[in-house]
Amino acid sequence: MSIKTAVFCVALGVGAAVLPSVGSARVYVDVDIAPPPPRVEVVPEARVGYVWAPGYWNYNGHEHVWVQGRYIHEHHGRHWVADTWEDRHGRWHFVAGHWQ
Protein backbone atom coordinates (compact mmCIF):
# COMPACT_ATOMS: atom_id res chain seq x y z
CA MET A 1 0.00 0.00 0.00
CA SER A 2 1.37 3.40 -0.92
CA ILE A 3 1.74 6.29 1.53
CA LYS A 4 -0.95 8.25 -0.34
CA THR A 5 -3.41 5.38 -0.04
CA ALA A 6 -2.67 4.95 3.67
CA VAL A 7 -3.12 8.69 4.35
CA PHE A 8 -6.38 8.66 2.38
CA CYS A 9 -7.71 5.67 4.37
CA VAL A 10 -6.83 7.30 7.70
CA ALA A 11 -8.46 10.59 6.65
CA LEU A 12 -11.57 8.74 5.49
CA GLY A 13 -11.80 6.85 8.80
CA VAL A 14 -11.38 10.02 10.88
CA GLY A 15 -14.01 11.80 8.77
CA ALA A 16 -16.47 8.96 9.23
CA ALA A 17 -15.94 9.05 13.00
CA VAL A 18 -16.40 12.83 13.24
CA LEU A 19 -19.44 13.28 10.97
CA PRO A 20 -22.06 11.71 13.27
CA SER A 21 -21.19 14.18 16.04
CA VAL A 22 -21.22 17.14 13.66
CA GLY A 23 -24.65 16.13 12.36
CA SER A 24 -26.09 16.10 15.87
CA ALA A 25 -24.67 19.50 16.89
CA ARG A 26 -27.23 21.93 18.28
CA VAL A 27 -27.29 25.70 18.52
CA TYR A 28 -28.97 27.37 21.47
CA VAL A 29 -30.25 30.92 21.18
CA ASP A 30 -31.22 33.15 24.11
CA VAL A 31 -32.20 36.77 23.46
CA ASP A 32 -33.72 39.65 25.42
CA ILE A 33 -36.20 40.55 22.66
CA ALA A 34 -39.51 38.65 22.61
CA PRO A 35 -40.59 37.33 19.21
CA PRO A 36 -43.63 38.94 17.58
CA PRO A 37 -46.90 36.97 17.59
CA PRO A 38 -46.95 34.08 15.10
CA ARG A 39 -48.22 34.94 11.63
CA VAL A 40 -51.38 33.35 10.30
CA GLU A 41 -50.44 30.93 7.55
CA VAL A 42 -52.61 29.32 4.92
CA VAL A 43 -51.63 25.66 4.99
CA PRO A 44 -51.42 24.22 1.47
CA GLU A 45 -53.28 21.03 0.60
CA ALA A 46 -51.98 17.99 2.49
CA ARG A 47 -49.27 15.90 0.86
CA VAL A 48 -49.11 12.13 1.32
CA GLY A 49 -46.02 11.13 3.29
CA TYR A 50 -45.44 14.63 4.67
CA VAL A 51 -46.47 16.64 7.74
CA TRP A 52 -46.84 20.40 8.04
CA ALA A 53 -44.13 22.20 10.04
CA PRO A 54 -45.62 25.60 10.86
CA GLY A 55 -43.72 28.84 10.37
CA TYR A 56 -41.85 30.47 13.25
CA TRP A 57 -39.79 33.50 14.16
CA ASN A 58 -36.03 33.02 13.89
CA TYR A 59 -33.47 35.45 15.31
CA ASN A 60 -30.65 36.51 12.97
CA GLY A 61 -28.52 38.27 15.58
CA HIS A 62 -30.25 41.63 15.10
CA GLU A 63 -33.96 41.01 14.71
CA HIS A 64 -36.63 38.33 14.44
CA VAL A 65 -37.31 37.16 10.89
CA TRP A 66 -40.21 34.99 9.80
CA VAL A 67 -39.49 31.49 8.46
CA GLN A 68 -42.44 30.21 6.43
CA GLY A 69 -44.06 26.89 7.21
CA ARG A 70 -43.23 23.92 5.05
CA TYR A 71 -43.99 20.26 4.48
CA ILE A 72 -41.39 17.80 5.78
CA HIS A 73 -41.11 14.02 5.31
CA GLU A 74 -43.09 12.24 8.00
CA HIS A 75 -41.44 9.80 10.39
CA HIS A 76 -43.83 6.94 11.08
CA GLY A 77 -44.59 6.53 14.78
CA ARG A 78 -43.31 10.02 15.64
CA HIS A 79 -44.85 13.49 15.59
CA TRP A 80 -43.37 16.89 14.76
CA VAL A 81 -42.88 19.33 17.65
CA ALA A 82 -42.88 22.82 16.15
CA ASP A 83 -40.13 25.42 16.56
CA THR A 84 -40.97 27.72 19.47
CA TRP A 85 -39.68 30.35 21.87
CA GLU A 86 -39.83 29.92 25.67
CA ASP A 87 -39.74 32.77 28.18
CA ARG A 88 -37.05 31.88 30.70
CA HIS A 89 -37.05 34.57 33.37
CA GLY A 90 -37.14 37.49 30.93
CA ARG A 91 -34.84 35.92 28.33
CA TRP A 92 -36.26 34.19 25.27
CA HIS A 93 -34.91 30.74 24.48
CA PHE A 94 -35.36 29.20 21.03
CA VAL A 95 -36.30 25.53 20.91
CA ALA A 96 -35.79 24.09 17.43
CA GLY A 97 -38.47 21.90 15.90
CA HIS A 98 -37.84 18.19 16.26
CA TRP A 99 -39.34 14.73 16.01
CA GLN A 100 -40.66 13.13 19.17
PDB file of N, CA and C in Angstrom:
ATOM      1  N   MET A   1       0.862  -1.174   0.000  1.00  0.00           N
ATOM      2  CA  MET A   1       0.000   0.000   0.000  1.00  0.00           C
ATOM      3  C   MET A   1       0.905   1.232   0.000  1.00  0.00           C
ATOM      4  N   SER A   2       0.561   2.187  -0.842  1.00  0.00           N
ATOM      5  CA  SER A   2       1.374   3.405  -0.915  1.00  0.00           C
ATOM      6  C   SER A   2       1.052   4.340   0.245  1.00  0.00           C
ATOM      7  N   ILE A   3       1.933   5.286   0.466  1.00  0.00           N
ATOM      8  CA  ILE A   3       1.736   6.287   1.532  1.00  0.00           C
ATOM      9  C   ILE A   3       0.468   7.088   1.260  1.00  0.00           C
ATOM     10  N   LYS A   4       0.247   7.470   0.008  1.00  0.00           N
ATOM     11  CA  LYS A   4      -0.952   8.255  -0.337  1.00  0.00           C
ATOM     12  C   LYS A   4      -2.221   7.471  -0.011  1.00  0.00           C
ATOM     13  N   THR A   5      -2.244   6.205  -0.328  1.00  0.00           N
ATOM     14  CA  THR A   5      -3.407   5.376  -0.045  1.00  0.00           C
ATOM     15  C   THR A   5      -3.630   5.248   1.460  1.00  0.00           C
ATOM     16  N   ALA A   6      -2.556   5.065   2.209  1.00  0.00           N
ATOM     17  CA  ALA A   6      -2.670   4.950   3.669  1.00  0.00           C
ATOM     18  C   ALA A   6      -3.195   6.244   4.281  1.00  0.00           C
ATOM     19  N   VAL A   7      -2.668   7.389   3.830  1.00  0.00           N
ATOM     20  CA  VAL A   7      -3.124   8.686   4.351  1.00  0.00           C
ATOM     21  C   VAL A   7      -4.598   8.883   4.006  1.00  0.00           C
ATOM     22  N   PHE A   8      -4.985   8.526   2.796  1.00  0.00           N
ATOM     23  CA  PHE A   8      -6.381   8.660   2.384  1.00  0.00           C
ATOM     24  C   PHE A   8      -7.296   7.811   3.270  1.00  0.00           C
ATOM     25  N   CYS A   9      -6.895   6.571   3.539  1.00  0.00           N
ATOM     26  CA  CYS A   9      -7.706   5.673   4.371  1.00  0.00           C
ATOM     27  C   CYS A   9      -7.851   6.197   5.796  1.00  0.00           C
ATOM     28  N   VAL A  10      -6.770   6.729   6.346  1.00  0.00           N
ATOM     29  CA  VAL A  10      -6.828   7.298   7.700  1.00  0.00           C
ATOM     30  C   VAL A  10      -7.747   8.511   7.712  1.00  0.00           C
ATOM     31  N   ALA A  11      -7.606   9.393   6.724  1.00  0.00           N
ATOM     32  CA  ALA A  11      -8.459  10.586   6.655  1.00  0.00           C
ATOM     33  C   ALA A  11      -9.920  10.199   6.503  1.00  0.00           C
ATOM     34  N   LEU A  12     -10.196   9.205   5.688  1.00  0.00           N
ATOM     35  CA  LEU A  12     -11.573   8.739   5.494  1.00  0.00           C
ATOM     36  C   LEU A  12     -12.143   8.180   6.795  1.00  0.00           C
ATOM     37  N   GLY A  13     -11.345   7.414   7.520  1.00  0.00           N
ATOM     38  CA  GLY A  13     -11.796   6.855   8.798  1.00  0.00           C
ATOM     39  C   GLY A  13     -12.063   7.924   9.839  1.00  0.00           C
ATOM     40  N   VAL A  14     -11.181   8.926   9.923  1.00  0.00           N
ATOM     41  CA  VAL A  14     -11.383  10.023  10.876  1.00  0.00           C
ATOM     42  C   VAL A  14     -12.633  10.807  10.507  1.00  0.00           C
ATOM     43  N   GLY A  15     -12.816  11.076   9.212  1.00  0.00           N
ATOM     44  CA  GLY A  15     -14.006  11.803   8.765  1.00  0.00           C
ATOM     45  C   GLY A  15     -15.283  11.066   9.099  1.00  0.00           C
ATOM     46  N   ALA A  16     -15.279   9.762   8.922  1.00  0.00           N
ATOM     47  CA  ALA A  16     -16.467   8.959   9.234  1.00  0.00           C
ATOM     48  C   ALA A  16     -16.768   8.964  10.722  1.00  0.00           C
ATOM     49  N   ALA A  17     -15.737   9.025  11.544  1.00  0.00           N
ATOM     50  CA  ALA A  17     -15.940   9.046  12.996  1.00  0.00           C
ATOM     51  C   ALA A  17     -16.441  10.399  13.473  1.00  0.00           C
ATOM     52  N   VAL A  18     -16.037  11.478  12.797  1.00  0.00           N
ATOM     53  CA  VAL A  18     -16.401  12.828  13.235  1.00  0.00           C
ATOM     54  C   VAL A  18     -17.777  13.231  12.741  1.00  0.00           C
ATOM     55  N   LEU A  19     -18.182  12.827  11.554  1.00  0.00           N
ATOM     56  CA  LEU A  19     -19.437  13.283  10.969  1.00  0.00           C
ATOM     57  C   LEU A  19     -20.671  13.033  11.815  1.00  0.00           C
ATOM     58  N   PRO A  20     -20.845  11.878  12.462  1.00  0.00           N
ATOM     59  CA  PRO A  20     -22.056  11.714  13.273  1.00  0.00           C
ATOM     60  C   PRO A  20     -22.181  12.754  14.370  1.00  0.00           C
ATOM     61  N   SER A  21     -21.089  13.178  14.978  1.00  0.00           N
ATOM     62  CA  SER A  21     -21.189  14.177  16.038  1.00  0.00           C
ATOM     63  C   SER A  21     -21.467  15.556  15.467  1.00  0.00           C
ATOM     64  N   VAL A  22     -20.949  15.863  14.283  1.00  0.00           N
ATOM     65  CA  VAL A  22     -21.220  17.145  13.661  1.00  0.00           C
ATOM     66  C   VAL A  22     -22.689  17.223  13.276  1.00  0.00           C
ATOM     67  N   GLY A  23     -23.258  16.146  12.771  1.00  0.00           N
ATOM     68  CA  GLY A  23     -24.654  16.133  12.357  1.00  0.00           C
ATOM     69  C   GLY A  23     -25.619  16.295  13.510  1.00  0.00           C
ATOM     70  N   SER A  24     -25.204  15.976  14.722  1.00  0.00           N
ATOM     71  CA  SER A  24     -26.091  16.101  15.865  1.00  0.00           C
ATOM     72  C   SER A  24     -25.820  17.363  16.685  1.00  0.00           C
ATOM     73  N   ALA A  25     -24.967  18.255  16.167  1.00  0.00           N
ATOM     74  CA  ALA A  25     -24.665  19.496  16.885  1.00  0.00           C
ATOM     75  C   ALA A  25     -25.924  20.359  16.981  1.00  0.00           C
ATOM     76  N   ARG A  26     -26.079  21.056  18.087  1.00  0.00           N
ATOM     77  CA  ARG A  26     -27.232  21.935  18.284  1.00  0.00           C
ATOM     78  C   ARG A  26     -26.757  23.343  18.600  1.00  0.00           C
ATOM     79  N   VAL A  27     -27.579  24.306  18.223  1.00  0.00           N
ATOM     80  CA  VAL A  27     -27.289  25.698  18.516  1.00  0.00           C
ATOM     81  C   VAL A  27     -28.386  26.205  19.436  1.00  0.00           C
ATOM     82  N   TYR A  28     -28.000  26.819  20.534  1.00  0.00           N
ATOM     83  CA  TYR A  28     -28.971  27.369  21.471  1.00  0.00           C
ATOM     84  C   TYR A  28     -28.944  28.880  21.362  1.00  0.00           C
ATOM     85  N   VAL A  29     -30.142  29.478  21.317  1.00  0.00           N
ATOM     86  CA  VAL A  29     -30.249  30.923  21.176  1.00  0.00           C
ATOM     87  C   VAL A  29     -31.070  31.464  22.332  1.00  0.00           C
ATOM     88  N   ASP A  30     -30.506  32.423  23.066  1.00  0.00           N
ATOM     89  CA  ASP A  30     -31.224  33.149  24.107  1.00  0.00           C
ATOM     90  C   ASP A  30     -31.088  34.630  23.799  1.00  0.00           C
ATOM     91  N   VAL A  31     -32.224  35.339  23.760  1.00  0.00           N
ATOM     92  CA  VAL A  31     -32.203  36.773  23.464  1.00  0.00           C
ATOM     93  C   VAL A  31     -33.110  37.500  24.443  1.00  0.00           C
ATOM     94  N   ASP A  32     -32.909  38.814  24.534  1.00  0.00           N
ATOM     95  CA  ASP A  32     -33.724  39.653  25.419  1.00  0.00           C
ATOM     96  C   ASP A  32     -35.002  40.145  24.742  1.00  0.00           C
ATOM     97  N   ILE A  33     -35.090  40.006  23.429  1.00  0.00           N
ATOM     98  CA  ILE A  33     -36.204  40.546  22.659  1.00  0.00           C
ATOM     99  C   ILE A  33     -37.225  39.447  22.379  1.00  0.00           C
ATOM    100  N   ALA A  34     -38.451  39.645  22.842  1.00  0.00           N
ATOM    101  CA  ALA A  34     -39.506  38.652  22.610  1.00  0.00           C
ATOM    102  C   ALA A  34     -39.855  38.599  21.132  1.00  0.00           C
ATOM    103  N   PRO A  35     -40.176  37.416  20.617  1.00  0.00           N
ATOM    104  CA  PRO A  35     -40.589  37.330  19.213  1.00  0.00           C
ATOM    105  C   PRO A  35     -41.976  37.935  19.041  1.00  0.00           C
ATOM    106  N   PRO A  36     -42.274  38.456  17.844  1.00  0.00           N
ATOM    107  CA  PRO A  36     -43.630  38.939  17.577  1.00  0.00           C
ATOM    108  C   PRO A  36     -44.612  37.765  17.620  1.00  0.00           C
ATOM    109  N   PRO A  37     -45.912  38.060  17.634  1.00  0.00           N
ATOM    110  CA  PRO A  37     -46.898  36.971  17.589  1.00  0.00           C
ATOM    111  C   PRO A  37     -46.737  36.174  16.293  1.00  0.00           C
ATOM    112  N   PRO A  38     -47.059  34.882  16.323  1.00  0.00           N
ATOM    113  CA  PRO A  38     -46.954  34.079  15.097  1.00  0.00           C
ATOM    114  C   PRO A  38     -47.844  34.648  13.995  1.00  0.00           C
ATOM    115  N   ARG A  39     -47.422  34.504  12.780  1.00  0.00           N
ATOM    116  CA  ARG A  39     -48.221  34.935  11.634  1.00  0.00           C
ATOM    117  C   ARG A  39     -49.264  33.864  11.324  1.00  0.00           C
ATOM    118  N   VAL A  40     -50.356  34.294  10.744  1.00  0.00           N
ATOM    119  CA  VAL A  40     -51.382  33.349  10.302  1.00  0.00           C
ATOM    120  C   VAL A  40     -50.942  32.837   8.933  1.00  0.00           C
ATOM    121  N   GLU A  41     -50.858  31.527   8.809  1.00  0.00           N
ATOM    122  CA  GLU A  41     -50.437  30.928   7.550  1.00  0.00           C
ATOM    123  C   GLU A  41     -51.584  30.132   6.941  1.00  0.00           C
ATOM    124  N   VAL A  42     -51.674  30.168   5.638  1.00  0.00           N
ATOM    125  CA  VAL A  42     -52.611  29.316   4.919  1.00  0.00           C
ATOM    126  C   VAL A  42     -51.844  28.039   4.603  1.00  0.00           C
ATOM    127  N   VAL A  43     -52.312  26.942   5.173  1.00  0.00           N
ATOM    128  CA  VAL A  43     -51.628  25.664   4.987  1.00  0.00           C
ATOM    129  C   VAL A  43     -52.044  25.084   3.641  1.00  0.00           C
ATOM    130  N   PRO A  44     -51.070  24.814   2.763  1.00  0.00           N
ATOM    131  CA  PRO A  44     -51.421  24.222   1.468  1.00  0.00           C
ATOM    132  C   PRO A  44     -52.056  22.846   1.640  1.00  0.00           C
ATOM    133  N   GLU A  45     -52.646  22.352   0.574  1.00  0.00           N
ATOM    134  CA  GLU A  45     -53.284  21.032   0.598  1.00  0.00           C
ATOM    135  C   GLU A  45     -52.304  19.976   1.098  1.00  0.00           C
ATOM    136  N   ALA A  46     -52.816  19.045   1.894  1.00  0.00           N
ATOM    137  CA  ALA A  46     -51.983  17.995   2.493  1.00  0.00           C
ATOM    138  C   ALA A  46     -51.275  17.180   1.418  1.00  0.00           C
ATOM    139  N   ARG A  47     -50.065  16.731   1.760  1.00  0.00           N
ATOM    140  CA  ARG A  47     -49.274  15.895   0.862  1.00  0.00           C
ATOM    141  C   ARG A  47     -49.054  14.538   1.528  1.00  0.00           C
ATOM    142  N   VAL A  48     -49.294  13.479   0.794  1.00  0.00           N
ATOM    143  CA  VAL A  48     -49.113  12.125   1.321  1.00  0.00           C
ATOM    144  C   VAL A  48     -47.636  11.915   1.653  1.00  0.00           C
ATOM    145  N   GLY A  49     -47.388  11.403   2.871  1.00  0.00           N
ATOM    146  CA  GLY A  49     -46.021  11.126   3.289  1.00  0.00           C
ATOM    147  C   GLY A  49     -45.314  12.317   3.910  1.00  0.00           C
ATOM    148  N   TYR A  50     -46.030  13.422   4.109  1.00  0.00           N
ATOM    149  CA  TYR A  50     -45.444  14.632   4.674  1.00  0.00           C
ATOM    150  C   TYR A  50     -46.316  15.148   5.814  1.00  0.00           C
ATOM    151  N   VAL A  51     -45.718  15.935   6.695  1.00  0.00           N
ATOM    152  CA  VAL A  51     -46.466  16.641   7.737  1.00  0.00           C
ATOM    153  C   VAL A  51     -46.119  18.125   7.647  1.00  0.00           C
ATOM    154  N   TRP A  52     -47.034  18.952   8.091  1.00  0.00           N
ATOM    155  CA  TRP A  52     -46.835  20.395   8.043  1.00  0.00           C
ATOM    156  C   TRP A  52     -46.023  20.860   9.246  1.00  0.00           C
ATOM    157  N   ALA A  53     -44.931  21.555   8.991  1.00  0.00           N
ATOM    158  CA  ALA A  53     -44.132  22.201  10.038  1.00  0.00           C
ATOM    159  C   ALA A  53     -44.461  23.683   9.957  1.00  0.00           C
ATOM    160  N   PRO A  54     -45.189  24.215  10.951  1.00  0.00           N
ATOM    161  CA  PRO A  54     -45.623  25.604  10.862  1.00  0.00           C
ATOM    162  C   PRO A  54     -44.460  26.592  10.887  1.00  0.00           C
ATOM    163  N   GLY A  55     -44.722  27.780  10.366  1.00  0.00           N
ATOM    164  CA  GLY A  55     -43.718  28.836  10.367  1.00  0.00           C
ATOM    165  C   GLY A  55     -43.402  29.289  11.784  1.00  0.00           C
ATOM    166  N   TYR A  56     -42.304  30.009  11.929  1.00  0.00           N
ATOM    167  CA  TYR A  56     -41.849  30.474  13.248  1.00  0.00           C
ATOM    168  C   TYR A  56     -40.937  31.681  13.073  1.00  0.00           C
ATOM    169  N   TRP A  57     -40.721  32.383  14.160  1.00  0.00           N
ATOM    170  CA  TRP A  57     -39.790  33.503  14.161  1.00  0.00           C
ATOM    171  C   TRP A  57     -38.390  32.995  14.496  1.00  0.00           C
ATOM    172  N   ASN A  58     -37.435  33.323  13.640  1.00  0.00           N
ATOM    173  CA  ASN A  58     -36.031  33.018  13.887  1.00  0.00           C
ATOM    174  C   ASN A  58     -35.340  34.321  14.273  1.00  0.00           C
ATOM    175  N   TYR A  59     -34.225  34.251  14.943  1.00  0.00           N
ATOM    176  CA  TYR A  59     -33.474  35.453  15.314  1.00  0.00           C
ATOM    177  C   TYR A  59     -32.147  35.428  14.567  1.00  0.00           C
ATOM    178  N   ASN A  60     -31.861  36.488  13.797  1.00  0.00           N
ATOM    179  CA  ASN A  60     -30.655  36.507  12.967  1.00  0.00           C
ATOM    180  C   ASN A  60     -29.478  37.238  13.610  1.00  0.00           C
ATOM    181  N   GLY A  61     -29.583  37.541  14.892  1.00  0.00           N
ATOM    182  CA  GLY A  61     -28.523  38.268  15.579  1.00  0.00           C
ATOM    183  C   GLY A  61     -28.842  39.739  15.772  1.00  0.00           C
ATOM    184  N   HIS A  62     -29.854  40.228  15.011  1.00  0.00           N
ATOM    185  CA  HIS A  62     -30.249  41.634  15.104  1.00  0.00           C
ATOM    186  C   HIS A  62     -31.753  41.816  15.267  1.00  0.00           C
ATOM    187  N   GLU A  63     -32.508  40.891  14.675  1.00  0.00           N
ATOM    188  CA  GLU A  63     -33.960  41.009  14.713  1.00  0.00           C
ATOM    189  C   GLU A  63     -34.597  39.648  14.440  1.00  0.00           C
ATOM    190  N   HIS A  64     -35.875  39.549  14.737  1.00  0.00           N
ATOM    191  CA  HIS A  64     -36.625  38.331  14.438  1.00  0.00           C
ATOM    192  C   HIS A  64     -37.045  38.383  12.968  1.00  0.00           C
ATOM    193  N   VAL A  65     -36.883  37.271  12.289  1.00  0.00           N
ATOM    194  CA  VAL A  65     -37.307  37.159  10.894  1.00  0.00           C
ATOM    195  C   VAL A  65     -38.198  35.930  10.759  1.00  0.00           C
ATOM    196  N   TRP A  66     -39.235  36.057   9.954  1.00  0.00           N
ATOM    197  CA  TRP A  66     -40.208  34.986   9.800  1.00  0.00           C
ATOM    198  C   TRP A  66     -39.678  33.904   8.864  1.00  0.00           C
ATOM    199  N   VAL A  67     -39.813  32.653   9.279  1.00  0.00           N
ATOM    200  CA  VAL A  67     -39.490  31.487   8.460  1.00  0.00           C
ATOM    201  C   VAL A  67     -40.821  30.823   8.123  1.00  0.00           C
ATOM    202  N   GLN A  68     -41.146  30.752   6.848  1.00  0.00           N
ATOM    203  CA  GLN A  68     -42.439  30.210   6.429  1.00  0.00           C
ATOM    204  C   GLN A  68     -42.551  28.725   6.741  1.00  0.00           C
ATOM    205  N   GLY A  69     -43.776  28.297   6.991  1.00  0.00           N
ATOM    206  CA  GLY A  69     -44.055  26.888   7.213  1.00  0.00           C
ATOM    207  C   GLY A  69     -43.745  26.082   5.967  1.00  0.00           C
ATOM    208  N   ARG A  70     -43.587  24.773   6.161  1.00  0.00           N
ATOM    209  CA  ARG A  70     -43.230  23.916   5.049  1.00  0.00           C
ATOM    210  C   ARG A  70     -43.639  22.482   5.352  1.00  0.00           C
ATOM    211  N   TYR A  71     -43.756  21.685   4.304  1.00  0.00           N
ATOM    212  CA  TYR A  71     -43.995  20.259   4.483  1.00  0.00           C
ATOM    213  C   TYR A  71     -42.651  19.557   4.645  1.00  0.00           C
ATOM    214  N   ILE A  72     -42.589  18.603   5.578  1.00  0.00           N
ATOM    215  CA  ILE A  72     -41.388  17.800   5.777  1.00  0.00           C
ATOM    216  C   ILE A  72     -41.783  16.325   5.749  1.00  0.00           C
ATOM    217  N   HIS A  73     -40.834  15.473   5.363  1.00  0.00           N
ATOM    218  CA  HIS A  73     -41.111  14.024   5.306  1.00  0.00           C
ATOM    219  C   HIS A  73     -41.533  13.531   6.677  1.00  0.00           C
ATOM    220  N   GLU A  74     -42.627  12.777   6.709  1.00  0.00           N
ATOM    221  CA  GLU A  74     -43.087  12.240   7.995  1.00  0.00           C
ATOM    222  C   GLU A  74     -42.178  11.116   8.466  1.00  0.00           C
ATOM    223  N   HIS A  75     -42.152  10.911   9.762  1.00  0.00           N
ATOM    224  CA  HIS A  75     -41.440   9.797  10.388  1.00  0.00           C
ATOM    225  C   HIS A  75     -42.502   8.952  11.070  1.00  0.00           C
ATOM    226  N   HIS A  76     -42.765   7.802  10.545  1.00  0.00           N
ATOM    227  CA  HIS A  76     -43.827   6.936  11.075  1.00  0.00           C
ATOM    228  C   HIS A  76     -43.603   6.654  12.561  1.00  0.00           C
ATOM    229  N   GLY A  77     -44.664   6.789  13.351  1.00  0.00           N
ATOM    230  CA  GLY A  77     -44.588   6.527  14.782  1.00  0.00           C
ATOM    231  C   GLY A  77     -44.084   7.709  15.588  1.00  0.00           C
ATOM    232  N   ARG A  78     -43.808   8.832  14.933  1.00  0.00           N
ATOM    233  CA  ARG A  78     -43.312  10.022  15.638  1.00  0.00           C
ATOM    234  C   ARG A  78     -44.146  11.219  15.198  1.00  0.00           C
ATOM    235  N   HIS A  79     -44.137  12.281  15.994  1.00  0.00           N
ATOM    236  CA  HIS A  79     -44.850  13.495  15.590  1.00  0.00           C
ATOM    237  C   HIS A  79     -43.901  14.684  15.662  1.00  0.00           C
ATOM    238  N   TRP A  80     -44.205  15.701  14.859  1.00  0.00           N
ATOM    239  CA  TRP A  80     -43.365  16.887  14.763  1.00  0.00           C
ATOM    240  C   TRP A  80     -43.723  17.864  15.880  1.00  0.00           C
ATOM    241  N   VAL A  81     -42.721  18.298  16.633  1.00  0.00           N
ATOM    242  CA  VAL A  81     -42.877  19.332  17.653  1.00  0.00           C
ATOM    243  C   VAL A  81     -42.348  20.617  17.018  1.00  0.00           C
ATOM    244  N   ALA A  82     -43.215  21.605  16.879  1.00  0.00           N
ATOM    245  CA  ALA A  82     -42.879  22.824  16.145  1.00  0.00           C
ATOM    246  C   ALA A  82     -41.809  23.660  16.847  1.00  0.00           C
ATOM    247  N   ASP A  83     -41.089  24.454  16.038  1.00  0.00           N
ATOM    248  CA  ASP A  83     -40.126  25.424  16.560  1.00  0.00           C
ATOM    249  C   ASP A  83     -40.880  26.414  17.444  1.00  0.00           C
ATOM    250  N   THR A  84     -40.272  26.805  18.551  1.00  0.00           N
ATOM    251  CA  THR A  84     -40.968  27.715  19.468  1.00  0.00           C
ATOM    252  C   THR A  84     -39.971  28.513  20.304  1.00  0.00           C
ATOM    253  N   TRP A  85     -40.466  29.546  20.940  1.00  0.00           N
ATOM    254  CA  TRP A  85     -39.679  30.355  21.873  1.00  0.00           C
ATOM    255  C   TRP A  85     -40.270  30.179  23.262  1.00  0.00           C
ATOM    256  N   GLU A  86     -39.398  30.042  24.275  1.00  0.00           N
ATOM    257  CA  GLU A  86     -39.831  29.921  25.667  1.00  0.00           C
ATOM    258  C   GLU A  86     -39.297  31.105  26.462  1.00  0.00           C
ATOM    259  N   ASP A  87     -40.162  31.691  27.275  1.00  0.00           N
ATOM    260  CA  ASP A  87     -39.738  32.769  28.176  1.00  0.00           C
ATOM    261  C   ASP A  87     -39.064  32.130  29.386  1.00  0.00           C
ATOM    262  N   ARG A  88     -37.802  32.423  29.565  1.00  0.00           N
ATOM    263  CA  ARG A  88     -37.046  31.883  30.697  1.00  0.00           C
ATOM    264  C   ARG A  88     -36.529  33.047  31.531  1.00  0.00           C
ATOM    265  N   HIS A  89     -37.397  33.489  32.446  1.00  0.00           N
ATOM    266  CA  HIS A  89     -37.053  34.573  33.369  1.00  0.00           C
ATOM    267  C   HIS A  89     -36.616  35.840  32.637  1.00  0.00           C
ATOM    268  N   GLY A  90     -37.405  36.244  31.638  1.00  0.00           N
ATOM    269  CA  GLY A  90     -37.140  37.492  30.929  1.00  0.00           C
ATOM    270  C   GLY A  90     -36.218  37.351  29.731  1.00  0.00           C
ATOM    271  N   ARG A  91     -35.664  36.179  29.528  1.00  0.00           N
ATOM    272  CA  ARG A  91     -34.845  35.917  28.334  1.00  0.00           C
ATOM    273  C   ARG A  91     -35.605  34.901  27.486  1.00  0.00           C
ATOM    274  N   TRP A  92     -35.520  35.056  26.186  1.00  0.00           N
ATOM    275  CA  TRP A  92     -36.263  34.191  25.273  1.00  0.00           C
ATOM    276  C   TRP A  92     -35.322  33.145  24.704  1.00  0.00           C
ATOM    277  N   HIS A  93     -35.708  31.876  24.901  1.00  0.00           N
ATOM    278  CA  HIS A  93     -34.906  30.736  24.484  1.00  0.00           C
ATOM    279  C   HIS A  93     -35.581  30.044  23.310  1.00  0.00           C
ATOM    280  N   PHE A  94     -34.828  29.855  22.226  1.00  0.00           N
ATOM    281  CA  PHE A  94     -35.365  29.205  21.034  1.00  0.00           C
ATOM    282  C   PHE A  94     -35.209  27.694  21.152  1.00  0.00           C
ATOM    283  N   VAL A  95     -36.319  26.982  20.923  1.00  0.00           N
ATOM    284  CA  VAL A  95     -36.301  25.526  20.911  1.00  0.00           C
ATOM    285  C   VAL A  95     -36.612  25.094  19.483  1.00  0.00           C
ATOM    286  N   ALA A  96     -35.633  24.494  18.829  1.00  0.00           N
ATOM    287  CA  ALA A  96     -35.787  24.090  17.430  1.00  0.00           C
ATOM    288  C   ALA A  96     -36.807  22.966  17.302  1.00  0.00           C
ATOM    289  N   GLY A  97     -37.526  22.967  16.189  1.00  0.00           N
ATOM    290  CA  GLY A  97     -38.474  21.901  15.903  1.00  0.00           C
ATOM    291  C   GLY A  97     -37.756  20.561  15.833  1.00  0.00           C
ATOM    292  N   HIS A  98     -38.462  19.517  16.222  1.00  0.00           N
ATOM    293  CA  HIS A  98     -37.837  18.194  16.260  1.00  0.00           C
ATOM    294  C   HIS A  98     -38.904  17.105  16.261  1.00  0.00           C
ATOM    295  N   TRP A  99     -38.456  15.888  15.986  1.00  0.00           N
ATOM    296  CA  TRP A  99     -39.340  14.726  16.009  1.00  0.00           C
ATOM    297  C   TRP A  99     -39.349  14.144  17.411  1.00  0.00           C
ATOM    298  N   GLN A 100     -40.533  13.728  17.841  1.00  0.00           N
ATOM    299  CA  GLN A 100     -40.660  13.126  19.173  1.00  0.00           C
ATOM    300  C   GLN A 100     -41.502  11.871  19.076  1.00  0.00           C
TER     301      GLN A 100
END
